[in-house]
Amino acid sequence: MEKKYYEIEGKMKYPLIYFFNSFIKLIEVAIVFFISLALLQQLKILNLEWMGNILDRLPKINQELNRQFLFSQISVTFMILSLFSLIINLKKEKILGTSIYQIVFARSILGNIKFISLSVFFFLFINITLYINNSSSHAILYVFLITLSLLTLLIIKIIFYSNSQRLSANKIISIYNRENTKLVRKPRIVWKSGVRFSEYLYNLNEDTIEKILRGDVEYKRNLYVYEKITHLSLVKYKNKVQENHTETIYESDIILMWASAIEELIKKELYTDSINQYNPILDLGWGYFIKIIKLFHSFWFSTSTSYHSAILRCRLGIKSDSINLINLDKRANKKACFKKRLIKTRS
């Protein structure tokens, strides 16, 4: 049942969400292209007959209304300054390892704060220039409506994604899944500047390690994302994943990042959590567990014998649920104290 659920998510849900966001981006590109042509047509830079026929159907505005639109646009333009404090808070709040700010503006043109900020001020200067040259210009209304539409779209996106955790989570997981799929399908492609990596997956990994080092329990949510994306990648590319991890690869996919997170858990002596993360890797039923064994093996000499024997027993499936790491630590400490006393008495 669980496998069927991941098949539905991996083959339908998240690919469709990603495709929908990509489709919206194409629509935004088309809108920007149309607006640019219409603006150039109104400024008499272009002379397209079909564009002229479309613009001729729009209402004509007199000089007094143009003046009111211009002053309204000035006040609307500087509204964007009041959004900066909200945007700063969006950068601080994170959902599944990525800030809401990045989720809102991911894979978007018209919903991008930098693009909209530059466009709004650019349109303001255009309208001021138009009003000075010709106060009865019909283009003033169009530029004002474009500015108002851009700001409205920006505010709507911020409201939707900042108040709907599920919407934000679905979008970012679809991006994680897509980015990891790219690395899995072509793992040996590198950039000229060096190793290729996904910015979104890199930020997820950095946020996870930072939370582990800080002792923030929110890292468990990020670890759940590792497990989920791994399951999703195995739905369609199980053989490819196995093939990639039996060779030397250049990129760190979600699986290697998961392993690095487990390593940080061990370094922080969070052994229960590390074992809880290690067990799902074994349950996946593919050859990557060899790399995890190597990871534990590299940690062999940096941990106490008692702790490592417990991890080794859990690895081999011996009494995995009944091992008490705290008791083992106490026994190790007692043995160490006993040895010290023995040395003192002999001396």
Protein backbone atom coordinates (compact mmCIF):
# COMPACT_ATOMS: atom_id res chain seq x y z
CA MET A 1 0.00 0.00 0.00
CA GLU A 2 2.82 2.40 0.93
CA LYS A 3 4.69 1.56 -2.29
CA LYS A 4 1.55 2.28 -4.32
CA TYR A 5 1.20 5.62 -2.54
CA TYR A 6 4.75 6.63 -3.47
CA GLU A 7 4.15 5.52 -7.07
CA ILE A 8 1.15 7.85 -7.30
CA GLU A 9 3.14 10.73 -5.80
CA GLY A 10 6.30 10.04 -7.81
CA LYS A 11 4.61 9.54 -11.19
CA MET A 12 1.62 11.88 -10.93
CA LYS A 13 1.30 14.28 -8.00
CA TYR A 14 4.66 16.05 -7.80
CA PRO A 15 5.48 15.90 -11.54
CA LEU A 16 2.07 17.49 -12.21
CA ILE A 17 2.69 20.20 -9.61
CA TYR A 18 6.08 20.93 -11.16
CA PHE A 19 4.58 20.93 -14.67
CA PHE A 20 1.81 23.30 -13.52
CA ASN A 21 4.37 25.76 -12.12
CA SER A 22 6.39 25.49 -15.35
CA PHE A 23 3.22 26.13 -17.40
CA ILE A 24 2.44 29.20 -15.29
CA LYS A 25 5.98 30.44 -15.93
CA LEU A 26 5.45 30.10 -19.70
CA ILE A 27 2.21 32.09 -19.42
CA GLU A 28 4.07 34.78 -17.48
CA VAL A 29 6.73 34.95 -20.22
CA ALA A 30 3.97 35.33 -22.84
CA ILE A 31 2.32 38.11 -20.79
CA VAL A 32 5.63 39.97 -20.42
CA PHE A 33 6.22 39.66 -24.17
CA PHE A 34 2.72 40.96 -24.99
CA ILE A 35 3.01 43.86 -22.54
CA SER A 36 6.38 44.83 -24.01
CA LEU A 37 4.96 44.86 -27.55
CA ALA A 38 1.89 46.86 -26.46
CA LEU A 39 4.06 49.40 -24.66
CA LEU A 40 6.38 49.80 -27.66
CA GLN A 41 3.29 50.20 -29.86
CA GLN A 42 1.91 52.96 -27.64
CA LEU A 43 5.29 54.72 -27.58
CA LYS A 44 5.27 54.70 -31.43
CA ILE A 45 8.46 52.62 -31.50
CA LEU A 46 6.69 49.71 -33.22
CA ASN A 47 3.86 49.82 -35.73
CA LEU A 48 2.14 46.44 -35.67
CA GLU A 49 -1.28 46.41 -37.33
CA TRP A 50 -2.75 43.58 -35.22
CA MET A 51 -1.51 45.19 -32.01
CA GLY A 52 -2.97 48.52 -33.09
CA ASN A 53 -6.37 46.88 -33.67
CA ILE A 54 -6.32 45.42 -30.14
CA LEU A 55 -5.32 48.70 -28.49
CA ASP A 56 -7.90 50.72 -30.46
CA ARG A 57 -10.67 48.80 -28.69
CA LEU A 58 -9.52 50.00 -25.28
CA PRO A 59 -11.27 53.08 -23.79
CA LYS A 60 -9.92 56.60 -24.39
CA ILE A 61 -9.00 58.69 -21.34
CA ASN A 62 -8.99 62.48 -21.03
CA GLN A 63 -6.24 64.69 -19.59
CA GLU A 64 -7.76 65.06 -16.09
CA LEU A 65 -8.04 61.31 -15.57
CA ASN A 66 -4.47 60.84 -16.79
CA ARG A 67 -3.27 63.22 -14.10
CA GLN A 68 -5.16 61.27 -11.42
CA PHE A 69 -3.77 57.98 -12.70
CA LEU A 70 -0.24 59.37 -12.58
CA PHE A 71 -0.54 60.47 -8.94
CA SER A 72 -2.17 57.16 -8.05
CA GLN A 73 0.70 55.31 -9.70
CA ILE A 74 3.25 57.28 -7.66
CA SER A 75 1.57 56.26 -4.39
CA VAL A 76 1.10 52.65 -5.56
CA THR A 77 4.75 52.41 -6.63
CA PHE A 78 6.08 53.39 -3.23
CA MET A 79 3.81 50.80 -1.61
CA ILE A 80 6.47 48.28 -2.56
CA LEU A 81 8.74 49.80 0.08
CA SER A 82 6.26 48.75 2.77
CA LEU A 83 6.56 45.14 1.58
CA PHE A 84 10.25 44.90 2.43
CA SER A 85 9.66 44.25 6.14
CA LEU A 86 7.24 41.44 5.23
CA ILE A 87 9.76 40.00 2.76
CA ILE A 88 12.50 40.02 5.42
CA ASN A 89 10.26 37.91 7.67
CA LEU A 90 9.57 35.53 4.77
CA LYS A 91 13.32 34.97 4.41
CA LYS A 92 13.56 33.93 8.07
CA GLU A 93 10.63 31.48 8.07
CA LYS A 94 11.43 28.12 6.49
CA ILE A 95 9.32 25.20 5.34
CA LEU A 96 11.11 21.87 4.82
CA GLY A 97 14.54 23.50 4.64
CA THR A 98 13.71 26.37 2.26
CA SER A 99 12.59 29.88 3.16
CA ILE A 100 9.07 30.93 2.22
CA TYR A 101 10.64 33.80 0.26
CA GLN A 102 12.40 31.33 -2.05
CA ILE A 103 9.28 29.18 -2.35
CA VAL A 104 7.10 32.16 -3.32
CA PHE A 105 9.45 33.40 -6.03
CA ALA A 106 10.72 30.01 -7.24
CA ARG A 107 10.15 29.38 -10.96
CA SER A 108 8.31 32.66 -11.47
CA ILE A 109 8.86 35.86 -13.45
CA LEU A 110 5.90 38.10 -12.64
CA GLY A 111 6.03 36.92 -9.02
CA ASN A 112 9.70 37.79 -8.62
CA ILE A 113 10.36 40.67 -6.22
CA LYS A 114 13.44 41.91 -8.13
CA PHE A 115 11.69 41.87 -11.50
CA ILE A 116 8.55 43.56 -10.16
CA SER A 117 10.49 46.22 -8.22
CA LEU A 118 12.50 47.24 -11.29
CA SER A 119 9.44 47.08 -13.55
CA VAL A 120 7.25 49.18 -11.26
CA PHE A 121 9.79 52.00 -10.99
CA PHE A 122 10.53 51.75 -14.71
CA PHE A 123 6.83 52.14 -15.55
CA LEU A 124 6.57 55.10 -13.18
CA PHE A 125 9.34 56.97 -14.99
CA ILE A 126 7.73 56.09 -18.34
CA ASN A 127 4.38 57.53 -17.26
CA ILE A 128 5.98 60.70 -15.91
CA THR A 129 7.78 61.14 -19.24
CA LEU A 130 4.57 60.47 -21.19
CA TYR A 131 2.59 62.98 -19.12
CA ILE A 132 5.23 65.68 -19.57
CA ASN A 133 5.37 65.18 -23.35
CA ASN A 134 1.64 64.62 -23.88
CA SER A 135 -0.76 64.85 -20.95
CA SER A 136 -3.54 63.31 -23.06
CA SER A 137 -1.56 60.20 -24.02
CA HIS A 138 -3.66 57.02 -23.98
CA ALA A 139 -0.63 54.96 -22.91
CA ILE A 140 -0.72 56.42 -19.37
CA LEU A 141 -3.76 54.33 -18.43
CA TYR A 142 -2.21 51.12 -19.81
CA VAL A 143 1.06 51.62 -17.95
CA PHE A 144 -0.85 52.35 -14.73
CA LEU A 145 -2.94 49.17 -15.09
CA ILE A 146 0.20 47.11 -15.76
CA THR A 147 1.83 48.47 -12.59
CA LEU A 148 -1.28 47.77 -10.54
CA SER A 149 -1.54 44.21 -11.91
CA LEU A 150 2.09 43.40 -11.10
CA LEU A 151 1.78 44.57 -7.50
CA THR A 152 -1.55 42.76 -7.08
CA LEU A 153 -0.05 39.50 -8.36
CA LEU A 154 2.94 39.85 -6.04
CA ILE A 155 0.78 40.43 -2.96
CA ILE A 156 -1.57 37.54 -3.85
CA LYS A 157 1.35 35.09 -4.17
CA ILE A 158 2.82 36.21 -0.84
CA ILE A 159 -0.56 35.81 0.89
CA PHE A 160 -1.23 32.36 -0.57
CA TYR A 161 2.16 30.79 0.11
CA SER A 162 2.78 32.40 3.50
CA ASN A 163 -0.63 31.31 4.83
CA SER A 164 -0.81 27.84 3.27
CA GLN A 165 1.88 25.52 4.56
CA ARG A 166 0.55 22.65 2.47
CA LEU A 167 0.74 24.68 -0.75
CA SER A 168 4.32 25.73 0.02
CA ALA A 169 5.34 22.19 1.02
CA ASN A 170 3.92 20.65 -2.17
CA LYS A 171 5.70 23.20 -4.34
CA ILE A 172 9.11 22.83 -2.70
CA ILE A 173 8.92 19.00 -2.59
CA SER A 174 8.10 18.99 -6.32
CA ILE A 175 11.20 21.14 -6.90
CA TYR A 176 13.36 18.88 -4.70
CA ASN A 177 12.09 15.85 -6.59
CA ARG A 178 12.79 17.43 -9.97
CA GLU A 179 16.27 18.64 -8.99
CA ASN A 180 17.20 15.24 -7.56
CA THR A 181 15.87 13.52 -10.69
CA LYS A 182 18.19 15.64 -12.83
CA LEU A 183 21.18 14.56 -10.74
CA VAL A 184 20.14 10.90 -10.83
CA ARG A 185 19.57 10.78 -14.59
CA LYS A 186 22.85 12.51 -15.53
CA PRO A 187 25.13 12.19 -12.52
CA ARG A 188 28.48 12.60 -14.24
CA ILE A 189 27.82 15.94 -15.94
CA VAL A 190 29.84 18.73 -14.33
CA TRP A 191 30.04 22.46 -14.89
CA LYS A 192 33.20 24.22 -16.00
CA SER A 193 33.42 25.90 -12.62
CA GLY A 194 33.54 22.54 -10.86
CA VAL A 195 31.05 20.14 -9.32
CA ARG A 196 27.42 20.53 -10.29
CA PHE A 197 24.90 20.76 -7.49
CA SER A 198 21.31 21.80 -6.99
CA GLU A 199 20.88 25.07 -5.13
CA TYR A 200 17.62 23.91 -3.58
CA LEU A 201 19.03 20.57 -2.38
CA TYR A 202 22.18 22.30 -1.16
CA ASN A 203 20.11 24.75 0.92
CA LEU A 204 18.09 21.83 2.32
CA ASN A 205 21.26 20.01 3.35
CA GLU A 206 22.82 23.12 4.91
CA ASP A 207 19.64 23.88 6.84
CA THR A 208 19.45 20.28 8.12
CA ILE A 209 23.06 20.22 9.32
CA GLU A 210 22.69 23.65 10.89
CA LYS A 211 19.60 22.53 12.83
CA ILE A 212 21.34 19.35 13.98
CA LEU A 213 24.32 21.33 15.27
CA ARG A 214 21.99 23.84 16.92
CA GLY A 215 19.89 21.11 18.53
CA ASP A 216 16.71 22.26 16.81
CA VAL A 217 14.24 19.36 16.60
CA GLU A 218 12.94 20.77 13.29
CA TYR A 219 15.74 18.80 11.63
CA LYS A 220 13.45 15.75 11.86
CA ARG A 221 11.12 17.36 9.30
CA ASN A 222 14.04 17.78 6.92
CA LEU A 223 15.09 14.17 7.45
CA TYR A 224 11.57 13.14 6.50
CA VAL A 225 12.06 15.06 3.23
CA TYR A 226 15.25 13.06 2.56
CA GLU A 227 13.34 9.82 2.99
CA LYS A 228 10.41 10.99 0.89
CA ILE A 229 12.52 12.24 -2.03
CA THR A 230 14.58 9.02 -1.94
CA HIS A 231 11.40 6.95 -2.20
CA LEU A 232 10.14 9.13 -5.06
CA SER A 233 13.41 8.81 -6.99
CA LEU A 234 13.33 5.03 -6.59
CA VAL A 235 9.84 4.84 -8.09
CA LYS A 236 11.05 5.58 -11.64
CA TYR A 237 14.85 5.40 -11.45
CA LYS A 238 15.68 2.57 -9.05
CA ASN A 239 18.14 0.87 -11.41
CA LYS A 240 19.72 4.22 -12.28
CA VAL A 241 20.19 5.08 -8.61
CA GLN A 242 21.83 1.71 -7.94
CA GLU A 243 24.09 2.14 -10.96
CA ASN A 244 25.15 5.65 -9.95
CA HIS A 245 26.05 4.67 -6.40
CA THR A 246 28.21 1.75 -7.46
CA GLU A 247 30.48 4.15 -9.36
CA THR A 248 32.34 7.34 -8.51
CA ILE A 249 29.93 10.23 -8.94
CA TYR A 250 30.56 13.95 -8.90
CA GLU A 251 27.30 15.30 -7.54
CA SER A 252 25.74 14.93 -4.13
CA ASP A 253 22.21 13.71 -4.65
CA ILE A 254 19.60 13.44 -1.92
CA ILE A 255 20.94 10.07 -0.77
CA LEU A 256 24.48 11.30 -0.15
CA MET A 257 23.03 14.31 1.67
CA TRP A 258 20.96 11.97 3.81
CA ALA A 259 24.14 10.06 4.67
CA SER A 260 25.95 13.28 5.62
CA ALA A 261 23.03 14.21 7.89
CA ILE A 262 23.29 10.81 9.63
CA GLU A 263 27.00 11.42 10.10
CA GLU A 264 26.26 14.75 11.80
CA LEU A 265 23.75 13.01 14.09
CA ILE A 266 26.47 10.57 15.15
CA LYS A 267 28.95 13.39 15.76
CA LYS A 268 26.39 15.09 17.99
CA GLU A 269 25.92 11.76 19.83
CA LEU A 270 22.28 11.53 18.75
CA TYR A 271 22.58 7.79 18.32
CA THR A 272 18.90 6.93 18.57
CA ASP A 273 17.99 9.36 15.80
CA SER A 274 20.89 8.18 13.65
CA ILE A 275 19.75 4.55 13.98
CA ASN A 276 16.17 5.59 13.24
CA GLN A 277 17.43 7.19 10.02
CA TYR A 278 19.72 4.29 9.20
CA ASN A 279 16.95 1.68 9.40
CA PRO A 280 14.81 3.22 6.58
CA ILE A 281 17.88 3.18 4.33
CA LEU A 282 18.21 -0.57 4.89
CA ASP A 283 14.47 -1.01 4.33
CA LEU A 284 14.74 0.53 0.86
CA GLY A 285 16.26 -2.74 -0.32
CA TRP A 286 19.01 -1.59 -2.65
CA GLY A 287 22.81 -1.56 -2.73
CA TYR A 288 23.45 1.87 -1.28
CA PHE A 289 23.65 0.52 2.27
CA ILE A 290 27.30 -0.36 1.50
CA LYS A 291 28.14 3.34 1.45
CA ILE A 292 26.42 3.84 4.79
CA ILE A 293 28.41 0.97 6.29
CA LYS A 294 31.57 2.72 5.09
CA LEU A 295 30.35 5.89 6.77
CA PHE A 296 29.90 4.08 10.07
CA HIS A 297 33.24 2.34 9.56
CA SER A 298 34.99 5.71 9.13
CA PHE A 299 33.52 6.73 12.46
CA TRP A 300 34.86 3.57 14.16
CA PHE A 301 37.99 5.09 15.68
CA SER A 302 36.33 8.35 16.80
CA THR A 303 33.73 6.75 19.09
CA SER A 304 33.92 4.60 22.16
CA THR A 305 33.96 0.83 21.74
CA SER A 306 30.74 0.43 23.66
CA TYR A 307 28.83 2.89 21.51
CA HIS A 308 30.18 1.51 18.29
CA SER A 309 29.43 -2.06 19.24
CA ALA A 310 25.84 -0.99 19.85
CA ILE A 311 25.64 0.60 16.41
CA LEU A 312 27.25 -2.47 14.87
CA ARG A 313 24.70 -4.72 16.55
CA CYS A 314 21.89 -2.54 15.27
CA ARG A 315 23.41 -2.75 11.81
CA LEU A 316 23.43 -6.53 11.93
CA GLY A 317 19.89 -6.61 13.30
CA ILE A 318 20.89 -8.08 16.68
CA LYS A 319 18.61 -6.86 19.46
CA SER A 320 18.04 -3.58 17.57
CA ASP A 321 15.06 -2.59 19.66
CA SER A 322 16.41 -3.60 23.06
CA ILE A 323 19.90 -2.07 23.07
CA ASN A 324 20.18 0.68 25.63
CA LEU A 325 22.96 3.06 24.66
CA ILE A 326 22.87 4.86 27.99
CA ASN A 327 23.53 1.66 29.93
CA LEU A 328 26.38 0.79 27.60
CA ASP A 329 27.88 4.21 28.20
CA LYS A 330 27.63 3.75 31.96
CA ARG A 331 29.33 0.36 31.74
CA ALA A 332 32.12 1.83 29.64
CA ASN A 333 32.63 4.63 32.16
CA LYS A 334 32.69 2.13 35.05
CA LYS A 335 35.34 0.06 33.27
CA ALA A 336 37.43 3.19 32.65
CA CYS A 337 37.17 4.23 36.33
CA PHE A 338 38.07 0.70 37.45
CA LYS A 339 41.19 0.74 35.27
CA LYS A 340 42.27 4.11 36.71
CA ARG A 341 41.86 2.83 40.28
CA LEU A 342 43.84 -0.29 39.39
CA ILE A 343 46.71 1.82 38.07
CA LYS A 344 46.70 3.99 41.22
CA THR A 345 46.75 0.99 43.56
CA ARG A 346 49.63 -0.61 41.64
CA SER A 347 51.64 2.59 41.72
